Amino acid sequence: MRKFTAILLLLLVACTACHRRNDPVVAQVYQYKLYASEVRQGMPVGLSQEDSLAMVRDFIDTWVKEKLVLHEAEKRLSPREKNFEKEMMDYRNSLLINRYYDKLWQQDTAANAVSDQEISDFVRSLDSRYTVDKEIVRVNYVKLSRGSSLLAPVKSILFDEQKRVEEKETLVAMLGDSIEYLLDDDAWLYLDDLQNEVAFDIEAERTVGKGEKLRIEKEVGDQQVLLVILDYRSQRSVNETKEERAAAGMLLTNQRKTQFINQYVQDLYDKAVKEGKVVQ
């Protein structure tokens, strides 16, 4: 791209609001144009100039490749293959129905709320088949391409405990949808599943929860993997943690919501049949 560095610097210092007539084009693929304002909208705040430049380059590269594929799809697919009218109508109908279900449920959620006692009874009803007897970890991880320009800014946030907590949204925005990561502090993974992908020594982590969290940086194939081990347990049962109670509450709520909706649909059907509104 011509004068790429100069344009990137312009992106970093230009005002947030600009009109199209003075909004420079930073990339073009056939008829598609990417404007500076569109790039700025996808950038998180608070990054250094160097990190911002790296993110802009990655953003533009991703946009260019997407538009190249889109151009080929538009050119090579037939009009029939590009007609999504039925799919869009089906999707709209599905969204409408689900939104209506949610509205019905919210109007009656007080009557259908799951109590603490019901959660406790449910948890106690689970037998040993639901007990986890394998080593488990709570972990944050990010998988980047080896040599990625995002390695330094991601590592600076992920490996700093205060930033990891306070700047999680910035990190998620930085990683986007094309990078594999897990930043859910409440999620537990089987240790052996994790070690099958990234080999590391858990013995070095035995003090997690008592001191510094274990931070691991590994090269795996063509990937650079960053991990922060938040917690480790040799085993647990379903009622040991607040996470299990929350999961049990969600499961019971979803069951109750499903029963509520099924009953509503059946009542609606019976009424319509009785009134002659349904012909089968």
C-alpha atoms as a PDB file:
ATOM      1  CA  MET A   1       0.000   0.000   0.000  1.00  0.00           C
ATOM      2  CA  ARG A   2       1.417   3.383  -0.974  1.00  0.00           C
ATOM      3  CA  LYS A   3       2.530   5.657   1.825  1.00  0.00           C
ATOM      4  CA  PHE A   4       1.263   3.025   4.261  1.00  0.00           C
ATOM      5  CA  THR A   5       3.171   4.297   7.286  1.00  0.00           C
ATOM      6  CA  ALA A   6       2.078   7.872   6.708  1.00  0.00           C
ATOM      7  CA  ILE A   7      -1.556   6.810   6.466  1.00  0.00           C
ATOM      8  CA  LEU A   8      -1.289   4.764   9.657  1.00  0.00           C
ATOM      9  CA  LEU A   9       0.134   7.734  11.518  1.00  0.00           C
ATOM     10  CA  LEU A  10      -2.713   9.825  10.167  1.00  0.00           C
ATOM     11  CA  LEU A  11      -5.199   7.299  11.561  1.00  0.00           C
ATOM     12  CA  LEU A  12      -3.745   7.670  15.035  1.00  0.00           C
ATOM     13  CA  VAL A  13      -3.812  11.470  15.184  1.00  0.00           C
ATOM     14  CA  ALA A  14      -6.878  12.304  13.082  1.00  0.00           C
ATOM     15  CA  CYS A  15     -10.077  13.432  14.779  1.00  0.00           C
ATOM     16  CA  THR A  16     -12.677  10.805  15.610  1.00  0.00           C
ATOM     17  CA  ALA A  17     -15.460  12.441  13.594  1.00  0.00           C
ATOM     18  CA  CYS A  18     -14.698  13.096   9.959  1.00  0.00           C
ATOM     19  CA  HIS A  19     -16.737  13.422   6.800  1.00  0.00           C
ATOM     20  CA  ARG A  20     -16.284  11.100   3.845  1.00  0.00           C
ATOM     21  CA  ARG A  21     -14.813  13.869   1.695  1.00  0.00           C
ATOM     22  CA  ASN A  22     -11.744  14.156   3.950  1.00  0.00           C
ATOM     23  CA  ASP A  23     -11.775  10.530   5.076  1.00  0.00           C
ATOM     24  CA  PRO A  24      -8.778   8.885   3.339  1.00  0.00           C
ATOM     25  CA  VAL A  25      -9.011   5.475   1.681  1.00  0.00           C
ATOM     26  CA  VAL A  26      -6.409   3.210   3.293  1.00  0.00           C
ATOM     27  CA  ALA A  27      -7.090   0.093   1.217  1.00  0.00           C
ATOM     28  CA  GLN A  28      -9.037  -0.886  -1.903  1.00  0.00           C
ATOM     29  CA  VAL A  29      -9.925  -4.302  -3.316  1.00  0.00           C
ATOM     30  CA  TYR A  30     -11.740  -4.070  -6.634  1.00  0.00           C
ATOM     31  CA  GLN A  31     -14.800  -1.898  -5.931  1.00  0.00           C
ATOM     32  CA  TYR A  32     -14.516  -2.174  -2.152  1.00  0.00           C
ATOM     33  CA  LYS A  33     -12.928   0.705  -0.241  1.00  0.00           C
ATOM     34  CA  LEU A  34     -11.793   0.831   3.376  1.00  0.00           C
ATOM     35  CA  TYR A  35     -11.822   4.287   4.929  1.00  0.00           C
ATOM     36  CA  ALA A  36      -9.698   5.584   7.787  1.00  0.00           C
ATOM     37  CA  SER A  37     -12.756   6.202   9.970  1.00  0.00           C
ATOM     38  CA  GLU A  38     -13.779   2.528   9.666  1.00  0.00           C
ATOM     39  CA  VAL A  39     -10.342   1.431  10.823  1.00  0.00           C
ATOM     40  CA  ARG A  40     -10.402   3.802  13.785  1.00  0.00           C
ATOM     41  CA  GLN A  41     -13.763   2.387  14.914  1.00  0.00           C
ATOM     42  CA  GLY A  42     -12.215  -1.076  15.213  1.00  0.00           C
ATOM     43  CA  MET A  43      -9.265   0.051  17.338  1.00  0.00           C
ATOM     44  CA  PRO A  44      -9.237  -0.196  21.161  1.00  0.00           C
ATOM     45  CA  VAL A  45      -8.075   2.808  23.138  1.00  0.00           C
ATOM     46  CA  GLY A  46      -5.105   3.038  25.450  1.00  0.00           C
ATOM     47  CA  LEU A  47      -2.527   1.290  23.248  1.00  0.00           C
ATOM     48  CA  SER A  48       0.901   2.666  22.477  1.00  0.00           C
ATOM     49  CA  GLN A  49       1.526   4.100  19.016  1.00  0.00           C
ATOM     50  CA  GLU A  50       3.615   1.064  18.082  1.00  0.00           C
ATOM     51  CA  ASP A  51       0.921  -1.394  19.189  1.00  0.00           C
ATOM     52  CA  SER A  52      -1.778   0.663  17.464  1.00  0.00           C
ATOM     53  CA  LEU A  53       0.168   0.588  14.208  1.00  0.00           C
ATOM     54  CA  ALA A  54       0.519  -3.198  14.461  1.00  0.00           C
ATOM     55  CA  MET A  55      -3.215  -3.597  15.068  1.00  0.00           C
ATOM     56  CA  VAL A  56      -4.072  -1.323  12.142  1.00  0.00           C
ATOM     57  CA  ARG A  57      -1.889  -3.407   9.825  1.00  0.00           C
ATOM     58  CA  ASP A  58      -3.570  -6.625  11.009  1.00  0.00           C
ATOM     59  CA  PHE A  59      -7.026  -5.045  10.655  1.00  0.00           C
ATOM     60  CA  ILE A  60      -6.318  -3.940   7.093  1.00  0.00           C
ATOM     61  CA  ASP A  61      -4.774  -7.284   6.111  1.00  0.00           C
ATOM     62  CA  THR A  62      -7.848  -9.128   7.401  1.00  0.00           C
ATOM     63  CA  TRP A  63     -10.183  -6.738   5.565  1.00  0.00           C
ATOM     64  CA  VAL A  64      -8.284  -7.123   2.276  1.00  0.00           C
ATOM     65  CA  LYS A  65      -8.373 -10.940   2.394  1.00  0.00           C
ATOM     66  CA  GLU A  66     -12.069 -10.956   3.258  1.00  0.00           C
ATOM     67  CA  LYS A  67     -12.922  -8.680   0.338  1.00  0.00           C
ATOM     68  CA  LEU A  68     -10.821 -10.789  -2.045  1.00  0.00           C
ATOM     69  CA  VAL A  69     -12.817 -13.888  -1.098  1.00  0.00           C
ATOM     70  CA  LEU A  70     -16.075 -11.921  -1.261  1.00  0.00           C
ATOM     71  CA  HIS A  71     -15.214 -10.749  -4.791  1.00  0.00           C
ATOM     72  CA  GLU A  72     -14.547 -14.325  -5.898  1.00  0.00           C
ATOM     73  CA  ALA A  73     -17.798 -15.524  -4.306  1.00  0.00           C
ATOM     74  CA  GLU A  74     -19.792 -12.789  -6.035  1.00  0.00           C
ATOM     75  CA  LYS A  75     -18.159 -13.661  -9.362  1.00  0.00           C
ATOM     76  CA  ARG A  76     -18.333 -17.444  -9.233  1.00  0.00           C
ATOM     77  CA  LEU A  77     -21.681 -18.151  -7.540  1.00  0.00           C
ATOM     78  CA  SER A  78     -24.829 -18.217  -9.651  1.00  0.00           C
ATOM     79  CA  PRO A  79     -27.734 -15.814  -8.961  1.00  0.00           C
ATOM     80  CA  ARG A  80     -29.632 -18.743  -7.466  1.00  0.00           C
ATOM     81  CA  GLU A  81     -26.732 -19.605  -5.154  1.00  0.00           C
ATOM     82  CA  LYS A  82     -26.551 -15.977  -4.055  1.00  0.00           C
ATOM     83  CA  ASN A  83     -30.259 -15.734  -3.300  1.00  0.00           C
ATOM     84  CA  PHE A  84     -30.683 -15.891   0.467  1.00  0.00           C
ATOM     85  CA  GLU A  85     -34.262 -14.614   0.600  1.00  0.00           C
ATOM     86  CA  LYS A  86     -35.679 -17.837   2.073  1.00  0.00           C
ATOM     87  CA  GLU A  87     -32.821 -18.225   4.570  1.00  0.00           C
ATOM     88  CA  MET A  88     -33.180 -14.601   5.656  1.00  0.00           C
ATOM     89  CA  MET A  89     -36.939 -14.990   6.096  1.00  0.00           C
ATOM     90  CA  ASP A  90     -36.471 -18.203   8.093  1.00  0.00           C
ATOM     91  CA  TYR A  91     -33.848 -16.483  10.235  1.00  0.00           C
ATOM     92  CA  ARG A  92     -36.099 -13.456  10.803  1.00  0.00           C
ATOM     93  CA  ASN A  93     -39.003 -15.694  11.783  1.00  0.00           C
ATOM     94  CA  SER A  94     -36.766 -17.596  14.202  1.00  0.00           C
ATOM     95  CA  LEU A  95     -35.567 -14.346  15.773  1.00  0.00           C
ATOM     96  CA  LEU A  96     -39.132 -13.077  16.140  1.00  0.00           C
ATOM     97  CA  ILE A  97     -40.365 -16.279  17.751  1.00  0.00           C
ATOM     98  CA  ASN A  98     -37.429 -16.478  20.175  1.00  0.00           C
ATOM     99  CA  ARG A  99     -37.778 -12.819  21.107  1.00  0.00           C
ATOM    100  CA  TYR A 100     -41.487 -13.374  21.778  1.00  0.00           C
ATOM    101  CA  TYR A 101     -40.667 -16.417  23.930  1.00  0.00           C
ATOM    102  CA  ASP A 102     -38.175 -14.308  25.905  1.00  0.00           C
ATOM    103  CA  LYS A 103     -40.765 -11.583  26.420  1.00  0.00           C
ATOM    104  CA  LEU A 104     -43.360 -14.085  27.640  1.00  0.00           C
ATOM    105  CA  TRP A 105     -40.844 -15.655  29.981  1.00  0.00           C
ATOM    106  CA  GLN A 106     -39.691 -12.302  31.389  1.00  0.00           C
ATOM    107  CA  GLN A 107     -43.283 -11.358  32.114  1.00  0.00           C
ATOM    108  CA  ASP A 108     -43.702 -14.538  34.160  1.00  0.00           C
ATOM    109  CA  THR A 109     -40.145 -14.986  35.423  1.00  0.00           C
ATOM    110  CA  ALA A 110     -41.003 -14.132  39.048  1.00  0.00           C
ATOM    111  CA  ALA A 111     -43.459 -17.016  39.235  1.00  0.00           C
ATOM    112  CA  ASN A 112     -40.936 -19.344  37.614  1.00  0.00           C
ATOM    113  CA  ALA A 113     -37.798 -18.251  39.470  1.00  0.00           C
ATOM    114  CA  VAL A 114     -35.612 -21.016  40.892  1.00  0.00           C
ATOM    115  CA  SER A 115     -35.078 -20.747  44.645  1.00  0.00           C
ATOM    116  CA  ASP A 116     -31.831 -21.431  46.539  1.00  0.00           C
ATOM    117  CA  GLN A 117     -33.499 -24.416  48.183  1.00  0.00           C
ATOM    118  CA  GLU A 118     -34.406 -25.917  44.806  1.00  0.00           C
ATOM    119  CA  ILE A 119     -30.801 -25.490  43.662  1.00  0.00           C
ATOM    120  CA  SER A 120     -29.503 -27.147  46.825  1.00  0.00           C
ATOM    121  CA  ASP A 121     -31.953 -30.044  46.434  1.00  0.00           C
ATOM    122  CA  PHE A 122     -30.929 -30.471  42.815  1.00  0.00           C
ATOM    123  CA  VAL A 123     -27.210 -30.449  43.614  1.00  0.00           C
ATOM    124  CA  ARG A 124     -27.689 -33.011  46.376  1.00  0.00           C
ATOM    125  CA  SER A 125     -29.627 -35.235  43.999  1.00  0.00           C
ATOM    126  CA  LEU A 126     -26.577 -35.647  41.778  1.00  0.00           C
ATOM    127  CA  ASP A 127     -24.638 -38.811  42.495  1.00  0.00           C
ATOM    128  CA  SER A 128     -20.963 -39.670  42.185  1.00  0.00           C
ATOM    129  CA  ARG A 129     -21.226 -39.999  38.417  1.00  0.00           C
ATOM    130  CA  TYR A 130     -21.082 -36.210  38.307  1.00  0.00           C
ATOM    131  CA  THR A 131     -17.987 -35.977  40.471  1.00  0.00           C
ATOM    132  CA  VAL A 132     -14.871 -34.847  38.655  1.00  0.00           C
ATOM    133  CA  ASP A 133     -11.963 -37.096  39.665  1.00  0.00           C
ATOM    134  CA  LYS A 134      -9.426 -35.700  37.195  1.00  0.00           C
ATOM    135  CA  GLU A 135      -7.114 -32.752  37.627  1.00  0.00           C
ATOM    136  CA  ILE A 136      -8.706 -29.507  36.507  1.00  0.00           C
ATOM    137  CA  VAL A 137      -7.558 -25.926  36.012  1.00  0.00           C
ATOM    138  CA  ARG A 138      -9.059 -22.508  35.576  1.00  0.00           C
ATOM    139  CA  VAL A 139      -7.057 -20.819  32.860  1.00  0.00           C
ATOM    140  CA  ASN A 140      -6.861 -17.857  30.513  1.00  0.00           C
ATOM    141  CA  TYR A 141      -5.095 -18.533  27.235  1.00  0.00           C
ATOM    142  CA  VAL A 142      -4.466 -16.953  23.858  1.00  0.00           C
ATOM    143  CA  LYS A 143      -3.160 -18.685  20.714  1.00  0.00           C
ATOM    144  CA  LEU A 144      -1.399 -16.420  18.218  1.00  0.00           C
ATOM    145  CA  SER A 145       0.440 -17.095  14.994  1.00  0.00           C
ATOM    146  CA  ARG A 146       4.170 -17.316  15.627  1.00  0.00           C
ATOM    147  CA  GLY A 147       5.705 -13.884  15.097  1.00  0.00           C
ATOM    148  CA  SER A 148       2.334 -12.109  15.361  1.00  0.00           C
ATOM    149  CA  SER A 149       2.605  -8.376  15.950  1.00  0.00           C
ATOM    150  CA  LEU A 150      -0.054  -8.784  18.648  1.00  0.00           C
ATOM    151  CA  LEU A 151       2.210 -10.900  20.860  1.00  0.00           C
ATOM    152  CA  ALA A 152       3.727  -7.999  22.812  1.00  0.00           C
ATOM    153  CA  PRO A 153       0.505  -6.024  23.503  1.00  0.00           C
ATOM    154  CA  VAL A 154      -1.461  -9.202  24.349  1.00  0.00           C
ATOM    155  CA  LYS A 155       1.277 -10.450  26.662  1.00  0.00           C
ATOM    156  CA  SER A 156       1.539  -7.066  28.406  1.00  0.00           C
ATOM    157  CA  ILE A 157      -2.137  -7.320  29.406  1.00  0.00           C
ATOM    158  CA  LEU A 158      -2.559 -11.062  29.930  1.00  0.00           C
ATOM    159  CA  PHE A 159       0.572 -11.484  32.069  1.00  0.00           C
ATOM    160  CA  ASP A 160      -0.203  -8.463  34.268  1.00  0.00           C
ATOM    161  CA  GLU A 161      -2.851  -9.512  36.808  1.00  0.00           C
ATOM    162  CA  GLN A 162      -4.320  -6.039  37.275  1.00  0.00           C
ATOM    163  CA  LYS A 163      -4.489  -5.357  33.539  1.00  0.00           C
ATOM    164  CA  ARG A 164      -5.814  -8.879  32.877  1.00  0.00           C
ATOM    165  CA  VAL A 165      -8.838  -8.094  35.052  1.00  0.00           C
ATOM    166  CA  GLU A 166      -9.343  -4.408  34.292  1.00  0.00           C
ATOM    167  CA  GLU A 167      -8.558  -4.412  30.559  1.00  0.00           C
ATOM    168  CA  LYS A 168     -10.285  -7.659  29.541  1.00  0.00           C
ATOM    169  CA  GLU A 169     -12.614  -5.849  27.120  1.00  0.00           C
ATOM    170  CA  THR A 170      -9.616  -4.199  25.476  1.00  0.00           C
ATOM    171  CA  LEU A 171      -7.991  -7.608  25.119  1.00  0.00           C
ATOM    172  CA  VAL A 172     -11.125  -9.155  23.595  1.00  0.00           C
ATOM    173  CA  ALA A 173     -11.400  -6.277  21.096  1.00  0.00           C
ATOM    174  CA  MET A 174      -7.744  -6.704  20.234  1.00  0.00           C
ATOM    175  CA  LEU A 175      -8.104 -10.439  19.569  1.00  0.00           C
ATOM    176  CA  GLY A 176     -11.282 -10.220  17.474  1.00  0.00           C
ATOM    177  CA  ASP A 177     -13.122 -13.246  16.092  1.00  0.00           C
ATOM    178  CA  SER A 178     -10.260 -14.888  14.195  1.00  0.00           C
ATOM    179  CA  ILE A 179      -7.981 -15.693  17.147  1.00  0.00           C
ATOM    180  CA  GLU A 180      -8.554 -18.607  19.526  1.00  0.00           C
ATOM    181  CA  TYR A 181      -8.652 -17.587  23.175  1.00  0.00           C
ATOM    182  CA  LEU A 182     -10.333 -18.297  26.521  1.00  0.00           C
ATOM    183  CA  LEU A 183     -10.701 -15.405  28.964  1.00  0.00           C
ATOM    184  CA  ASP A 184     -13.510 -16.780  31.152  1.00  0.00           C
ATOM    185  CA  ASP A 185     -12.210 -16.798  34.736  1.00  0.00           C
ATOM    186  CA  ASP A 186     -14.967 -19.176  35.872  1.00  0.00           C
ATOM    187  CA  ALA A 187     -14.426 -21.913  33.280  1.00  0.00           C
ATOM    188  CA  TRP A 188     -12.701 -25.161  34.350  1.00  0.00           C
ATOM    189  CA  LEU A 189     -10.789 -27.368  31.896  1.00  0.00           C
ATOM    190  CA  TYR A 190      -9.393 -30.869  32.325  1.00  0.00           C
ATOM    191  CA  LEU A 191      -5.662 -30.502  32.859  1.00  0.00           C
ATOM    192  CA  ASP A 192      -4.766 -33.402  30.568  1.00  0.00           C
ATOM    193  CA  ASP A 193      -6.853 -31.918  27.720  1.00  0.00           C
ATOM    194  CA  LEU A 194      -4.939 -28.673  28.056  1.00  0.00           C
ATOM    195  CA  GLN A 195      -1.577 -30.448  28.310  1.00  0.00           C
ATOM    196  CA  ASN A 196      -2.358 -32.430  25.155  1.00  0.00           C
ATOM    197  CA  GLU A 197      -2.291 -29.105  23.319  1.00  0.00           C
ATOM    198  CA  VAL A 198       0.369 -27.305  25.347  1.00  0.00           C
ATOM    199  CA  ALA A 199       2.877 -29.380  27.324  1.00  0.00           C
ATOM    200  CA  PHE A 200       3.828 -27.820  30.666  1.00  0.00           C
ATOM    201  CA  ASP A 201       4.692 -28.921  34.195  1.00  0.00           C
ATOM    202  CA  ILE A 202       1.800 -28.472  36.616  1.00  0.00           C
ATOM    203  CA  GLU A 203       4.114 -29.155  39.554  1.00  0.00           C
ATOM    204  CA  ALA A 204       5.425 -25.628  39.064  1.00  0.00           C
ATOM    205  CA  GLU A 205       1.891 -24.415  39.671  1.00  0.00           C
ATOM    206  CA  ARG A 206       1.136 -26.129  43.000  1.00  0.00           C
ATOM    207  CA  THR A 207       1.158 -22.790  44.830  1.00  0.00           C
ATOM    208  CA  VAL A 208      -1.525 -21.215  42.636  1.00  0.00           C
ATOM    209  CA  GLY A 209      -4.091 -19.582  44.866  1.00  0.00           C
ATOM    210  CA  LYS A 210      -1.446 -18.902  47.503  1.00  0.00           C
ATOM    211  CA  GLY A 211       0.899 -16.684  45.540  1.00  0.00           C
ATOM    212  CA  GLU A 212       1.770 -15.691  42.012  1.00  0.00           C
ATOM    213  CA  LYS A 213      -0.237 -17.220  39.188  1.00  0.00           C
ATOM    214  CA  LEU A 214       1.695 -19.392  36.775  1.00  0.00           C
ATOM    215  CA  ARG A 215       2.354 -17.666  33.451  1.00  0.00           C
ATOM    216  CA  ILE A 216       3.406 -19.827  30.535  1.00  0.00           C
ATOM    217  CA  GLU A 217       4.612 -18.920  27.044  1.00  0.00           C
ATOM    218  CA  LYS A 218       5.095 -21.791  24.606  1.00  0.00           C
ATOM    219  CA  GLU A 219       5.711 -22.316  20.902  1.00  0.00           C
ATOM    220  CA  VAL A 220       3.474 -25.085  19.556  1.00  0.00           C
ATOM    221  CA  GLY A 221       3.889 -25.740  15.848  1.00  0.00           C
ATOM    222  CA  ASP A 222       3.301 -22.448  14.073  1.00  0.00           C
ATOM    223  CA  GLN A 223       1.529 -20.951  17.103  1.00  0.00           C
ATOM    224  CA  GLN A 224       2.625 -18.916  20.093  1.00  0.00           C
ATOM    225  CA  VAL A 225       0.540 -19.856  23.151  1.00  0.00           C
ATOM    226  CA  LEU A 226       0.180 -17.661  26.243  1.00  0.00           C
ATOM    227  CA  LEU A 227      -1.404 -19.158  29.381  1.00  0.00           C
ATOM    228  CA  VAL A 228      -2.218 -17.907  32.854  1.00  0.00           C
ATOM    229  CA  ILE A 229      -3.188 -20.659  35.311  1.00  0.00           C
ATOM    230  CA  LEU A 230      -5.713 -19.146  37.723  1.00  0.00           C
ATOM    231  CA  ASP A 231      -6.494 -22.184  39.896  1.00  0.00           C
ATOM    232  CA  TYR A 232      -5.800 -25.900  40.106  1.00  0.00           C
ATOM    233  CA  ARG A 233      -7.604 -28.809  41.792  1.00  0.00           C
ATOM    234  CA  SER A 234      -6.886 -32.490  41.867  1.00  0.00           C
ATOM    235  CA  GLN A 235     -10.632 -33.219  42.023  1.00  0.00           C
ATOM    236  CA  ARG A 236     -13.924 -31.643  42.971  1.00  0.00           C
ATOM    237  CA  SER A 237     -17.580 -32.537  43.326  1.00  0.00           C
ATOM    238  CA  VAL A 238     -20.451 -30.625  41.806  1.00  0.00           C
ATOM    239  CA  ASN A 239     -21.365 -28.812  45.015  1.00  0.00           C
ATOM    240  CA  GLU A 240     -17.900 -27.549  45.966  1.00  0.00           C
ATOM    241  CA  THR A 241     -17.958 -24.200  44.219  1.00  0.00           C
ATOM    242  CA  LYS A 242     -20.294 -21.341  43.506  1.00  0.00           C
ATOM    243  CA  GLU A 243     -19.769 -22.066  39.808  1.00  0.00           C
ATOM    244  CA  GLU A 244     -21.561 -25.414  40.167  1.00  0.00           C
ATOM    245  CA  ARG A 245     -24.473 -23.821  42.009  1.00  0.00           C
ATOM    246  CA  ALA A 246     -24.713 -21.174  39.292  1.00  0.00           C
ATOM    247  CA  ALA A 247     -24.641 -23.880  36.614  1.00  0.00           C
ATOM    248  CA  ALA A 248     -27.311 -25.881  38.443  1.00  0.00           C
ATOM    249  CA  GLY A 249     -29.480 -22.769  38.753  1.00  0.00           C
ATOM    250  CA  MET A 250     -29.115 -22.066  35.047  1.00  0.00           C
ATOM    251  CA  LEU A 251     -29.973 -25.653  34.163  1.00  0.00           C
ATOM    252  CA  LEU A 252     -33.120 -25.608  36.309  1.00  0.00           C
ATOM    253  CA  THR A 253     -34.139 -22.215  34.922  1.00  0.00           C
ATOM    254  CA  ASN A 254     -33.710 -23.411  31.344  1.00  0.00           C
ATOM    255  CA  GLN A 255     -35.722 -26.563  32.084  1.00  0.00           C
ATOM    256  CA  ARG A 256     -38.486 -24.481  33.594  1.00  0.00           C
ATOM    257  CA  LYS A 257     -38.446 -22.050  30.668  1.00  0.00           C
ATOM    258  CA  THR A 258     -38.658 -24.928  28.171  1.00  0.00           C
ATOM    259  CA  GLN A 259     -41.637 -26.413  30.017  1.00  0.00           C
ATOM    260  CA  PHE A 260     -43.290 -22.988  30.154  1.00  0.00           C
ATOM    261  CA  ILE A 261     -42.865 -22.415  26.404  1.00  0.00           C
ATOM    262  CA  ASN A 262     -43.998 -25.925  25.471  1.00  0.00           C
ATOM    263  CA  GLN A 263     -47.127 -25.487  27.548  1.00  0.00           C
ATOM    264  CA  TYR A 264     -47.798 -22.066  26.019  1.00  0.00           C
ATOM    265  CA  VAL A 265     -47.456 -23.440  22.471  1.00  0.00           C
ATOM    266  CA  GLN A 266     -49.743 -26.381  23.285  1.00  0.00           C
ATOM    267  CA  ASP A 267     -52.378 -24.068  24.798  1.00  0.00           C
ATOM    268  CA  LEU A 268     -52.145 -21.793  21.761  1.00  0.00           C
ATOM    269  CA  TYR A 269     -52.563 -24.758  19.438  1.00  0.00           C
ATOM    270  CA  ASP A 270     -55.534 -26.200  21.348  1.00  0.00           C
ATOM    271  CA  LYS A 271     -57.270 -22.819  21.331  1.00  0.00           C
ATOM    272  CA  ALA A 272     -56.685 -22.309  17.580  1.00  0.00           C
ATOM    273  CA  VAL A 273     -57.995 -25.813  16.777  1.00  0.00           C
ATOM    274  CA  LYS A 274     -61.079 -25.246  18.903  1.00  0.00           C
ATOM    275  CA  GLU A 275     -61.772 -21.966  17.084  1.00  0.00           C
ATOM    276  CA  GLY A 276     -61.269 -23.550  13.684  1.00  0.00           C
ATOM    277  CA  LYS A 277     -58.145 -21.532  12.895  1.00  0.00           C
ATOM    278  CA  VAL A 278     -56.070 -24.626  12.100  1.00  0.00           C
ATOM    279  CA  VAL A 279     -56.781 -26.911   9.149  1.00  0.00           C
ATOM    280  CA  GLN A 280     -54.733 -30.109   8.888  1.00  0.00           C
END
